[in-house]
Amino acid sequence: MSSIESRLNESIVRHMANADCDIPGGPTRGIFRRESVDVLGGIGMVEQTDTLKVVDFPGSSALIGVDIGIDELAWRVADVRPDSSGMIKLILEKT
């Protein structure tokens, strides 16, 4: 099953990737997004969160606080969120 999952994730990234990444020990392509997050439960206050979704890799959980490059811009990883499908979402902050 993990072989199928791995091939599927690689195909998703190959077709949907919109960013080149410089992640220590990690992948070189990812899906960069600016997501809107409702911070006050529906009363109209929205916060923008920058994220990068990549294929999970050994050592990815140690990325919190690490500076990475995305399309030649510097970002810091604020959080790493696995999605149980072999992908991870990196929550980013500008450096």
C-alpha atoms as a PDB file:
ATOM      1  CA  MET A   1       0.000   0.000   0.000  1.00  0.00           C
ATOM      2  CA  SER A   2       2.764   2.488   0.832  1.00  0.00           C
ATOM      3  CA  SER A   3       4.252   2.003  -2.643  1.00  0.00           C
ATOM      4  CA  ILE A   4       0.940   2.984  -4.232  1.00  0.00           C
ATOM      5  CA  GLU A   5       0.602   5.935  -1.844  1.00  0.00           C
ATOM      6  CA  SER A   6       4.131   7.073  -2.632  1.00  0.00           C
ATOM      7  CA  ARG A   7       3.558   6.945  -6.407  1.00  0.00           C
ATOM      8  CA  LEU A   8       0.249   8.790  -6.043  1.00  0.00           C
ATOM      9  CA  ASN A   9       1.806  11.553  -3.909  1.00  0.00           C
ATOM     10  CA  GLU A  10       4.694  11.972  -6.347  1.00  0.00           C
ATOM     11  CA  SER A  11       2.202  12.252  -9.216  1.00  0.00           C
ATOM     12  CA  ILE A  12       0.130  14.848  -7.322  1.00  0.00           C
ATOM     13  CA  VAL A  13       3.194  16.968  -6.623  1.00  0.00           C
ATOM     14  CA  ARG A  14       4.469  16.596 -10.183  1.00  0.00           C
ATOM     15  CA  HIS A  15       1.162  17.915 -11.583  1.00  0.00           C
ATOM     16  CA  MET A  16       0.181  20.475  -8.937  1.00  0.00           C
ATOM     17  CA  ALA A  17       3.527  21.836  -7.716  1.00  0.00           C
ATOM     18  CA  ASN A  18       3.824  25.564  -8.116  1.00  0.00           C
ATOM     19  CA  ALA A  19       6.982  26.231  -6.094  1.00  0.00           C
ATOM     20  CA  ASP A  20      10.648  25.272  -6.099  1.00  0.00           C
ATOM     21  CA  CYS A  21      11.851  24.443  -2.568  1.00  0.00           C
ATOM     22  CA  ASP A  22      15.169  24.395  -0.776  1.00  0.00           C
ATOM     23  CA  ILE A  23      14.448  22.199   2.257  1.00  0.00           C
ATOM     24  CA  PRO A  24      17.367  20.535   4.083  1.00  0.00           C
ATOM     25  CA  GLY A  25      17.132  16.823   3.220  1.00  0.00           C
ATOM     26  CA  GLY A  26      13.715  17.294   1.656  1.00  0.00           C
ATOM     27  CA  PRO A  27      11.939  17.529  -1.675  1.00  0.00           C
ATOM     28  CA  THR A  28      12.643  20.179  -4.310  1.00  0.00           C
ATOM     29  CA  ARG A  29       9.033  20.869  -5.430  1.00  0.00           C
ATOM     30  CA  GLY A  30       5.897  21.616  -3.447  1.00  0.00           C
ATOM     31  CA  ILE A  31       2.434  23.169  -3.464  1.00  0.00           C
ATOM     32  CA  PHE A  32       2.546  26.686  -2.001  1.00  0.00           C
ATOM     33  CA  ARG A  33      -0.737  28.192  -0.792  1.00  0.00           C
ATOM     34  CA  ARG A  34      -1.992  31.203   1.092  1.00  0.00           C
ATOM     35  CA  GLU A  35      -4.926  29.894   3.114  1.00  0.00           C
ATOM     36  CA  SER A  36      -7.610  31.907   4.864  1.00  0.00           C
ATOM     37  CA  VAL A  37      -8.282  30.843   8.447  1.00  0.00           C
ATOM     38  CA  ASP A  38     -11.354  32.008  10.387  1.00  0.00           C
ATOM     39  CA  VAL A  39      -9.848  33.073  13.728  1.00  0.00           C
ATOM     40  CA  LEU A  40     -12.986  34.169  15.583  1.00  0.00           C
ATOM     41  CA  GLY A  41     -15.577  31.566  14.685  1.00  0.00           C
ATOM     42  CA  GLY A  42     -17.467  33.149  11.823  1.00  0.00           C
ATOM     43  CA  ILE A  43     -17.675  36.809  12.810  1.00  0.00           C
ATOM     44  CA  GLY A  44     -15.593  37.969   9.883  1.00  0.00           C
ATOM     45  CA  MET A  45     -12.024  38.022  11.168  1.00  0.00           C
ATOM     46  CA  VAL A  46      -9.799  36.079   8.804  1.00  0.00           C
ATOM     47  CA  GLU A  47      -6.071  35.460   9.005  1.00  0.00           C
ATOM     48  CA  GLN A  48      -3.877  34.492   6.055  1.00  0.00           C
ATOM     49  CA  THR A  49      -1.577  31.511   6.577  1.00  0.00           C
ATOM     50  CA  ASP A  50       1.187  30.602   4.150  1.00  0.00           C
ATOM     51  CA  THR A  51       1.678  26.850   3.690  1.00  0.00           C
ATOM     52  CA  LEU A  52       3.754  24.451   1.632  1.00  0.00           C
ATOM     53  CA  LYS A  53       2.571  20.898   1.037  1.00  0.00           C
ATOM     54  CA  VAL A  54       5.276  18.355   0.188  1.00  0.00           C
ATOM     55  CA  VAL A  55       5.806  14.610   0.211  1.00  0.00           C
ATOM     56  CA  ASP A  56       6.804  13.500   3.729  1.00  0.00           C
ATOM     57  CA  PHE A  57      10.452  12.548   4.214  1.00  0.00           C
ATOM     58  CA  PRO A  58      12.644  11.250   7.061  1.00  0.00           C
ATOM     59  CA  GLY A  59      13.463  14.053   9.480  1.00  0.00           C
ATOM     60  CA  SER A  60      10.571  16.296   8.440  1.00  0.00           C
ATOM     61  CA  SER A  61       9.319  16.621  12.030  1.00  0.00           C
ATOM     62  CA  ALA A  62      12.609  18.353  12.938  1.00  0.00           C
ATOM     63  CA  LEU A  63      11.931  21.252  10.539  1.00  0.00           C
ATOM     64  CA  ILE A  64      10.177  23.498  13.087  1.00  0.00           C
ATOM     65  CA  GLY A  65      12.226  26.677  13.387  1.00  0.00           C
ATOM     66  CA  VAL A  66      14.332  25.864  10.304  1.00  0.00           C
ATOM     67  CA  ASP A  67      14.757  28.411   7.520  1.00  0.00           C
ATOM     68  CA  ILE A  68      13.862  27.146   4.043  1.00  0.00           C
ATOM     69  CA  GLY A  69      13.723  28.673   0.582  1.00  0.00           C
ATOM     70  CA  ILE A  70      10.670  28.785  -1.648  1.00  0.00           C
ATOM     71  CA  ASP A  71      11.112  30.283  -5.107  1.00  0.00           C
ATOM     72  CA  GLU A  72      14.259  32.007  -3.811  1.00  0.00           C
ATOM     73  CA  LEU A  73      12.426  33.699  -0.897  1.00  0.00           C
ATOM     74  CA  ALA A  74      13.293  32.944   2.737  1.00  0.00           C
ATOM     75  CA  TRP A  75      10.704  31.377   5.050  1.00  0.00           C
ATOM     76  CA  ARG A  76      10.816  29.809   8.509  1.00  0.00           C
ATOM     77  CA  VAL A  77       8.854  26.636   9.317  1.00  0.00           C
ATOM     78  CA  ALA A  78       6.490  27.405  12.211  1.00  0.00           C
ATOM     79  CA  ASP A  79       4.799  23.976  12.310  1.00  0.00           C
ATOM     80  CA  VAL A  80       4.774  20.623  10.530  1.00  0.00           C
ATOM     81  CA  ARG A  81       1.410  18.893  10.077  1.00  0.00           C
ATOM     82  CA  PRO A  82       1.288  15.365   8.637  1.00  0.00           C
ATOM     83  CA  ASP A  83      -1.943  14.607   6.790  1.00  0.00           C
ATOM     84  CA  SER A  84      -1.875  10.779   7.171  1.00  0.00           C
ATOM     85  CA  SER A  85      -1.602  10.276   3.419  1.00  0.00           C
ATOM     86  CA  GLY A  86       2.173  10.530   3.116  1.00  0.00           C
ATOM     87  CA  MET A  87       2.156  14.303   2.633  1.00  0.00           C
ATOM     88  CA  ILE A  88       2.987  17.045   5.125  1.00  0.00           C
ATOM     89  CA  LYS A  89       1.877  20.643   5.363  1.00  0.00           C
ATOM     90  CA  LEU A  90       4.505  23.129   6.489  1.00  0.00           C
ATOM     91  CA  ILE A  91       3.061  26.200   8.185  1.00  0.00           C
ATOM     92  CA  LEU A  92       5.320  29.116   7.247  1.00  0.00           C
ATOM     93  CA  GLU A  93       6.269  32.547   8.505  1.00  0.00           C
ATOM     94  CA  LYS A  94       8.352  35.118   6.651  1.00  0.00           C
ATOM     95  CA  THR A  95      11.885  35.694   7.871  1.00  0.00           C
END
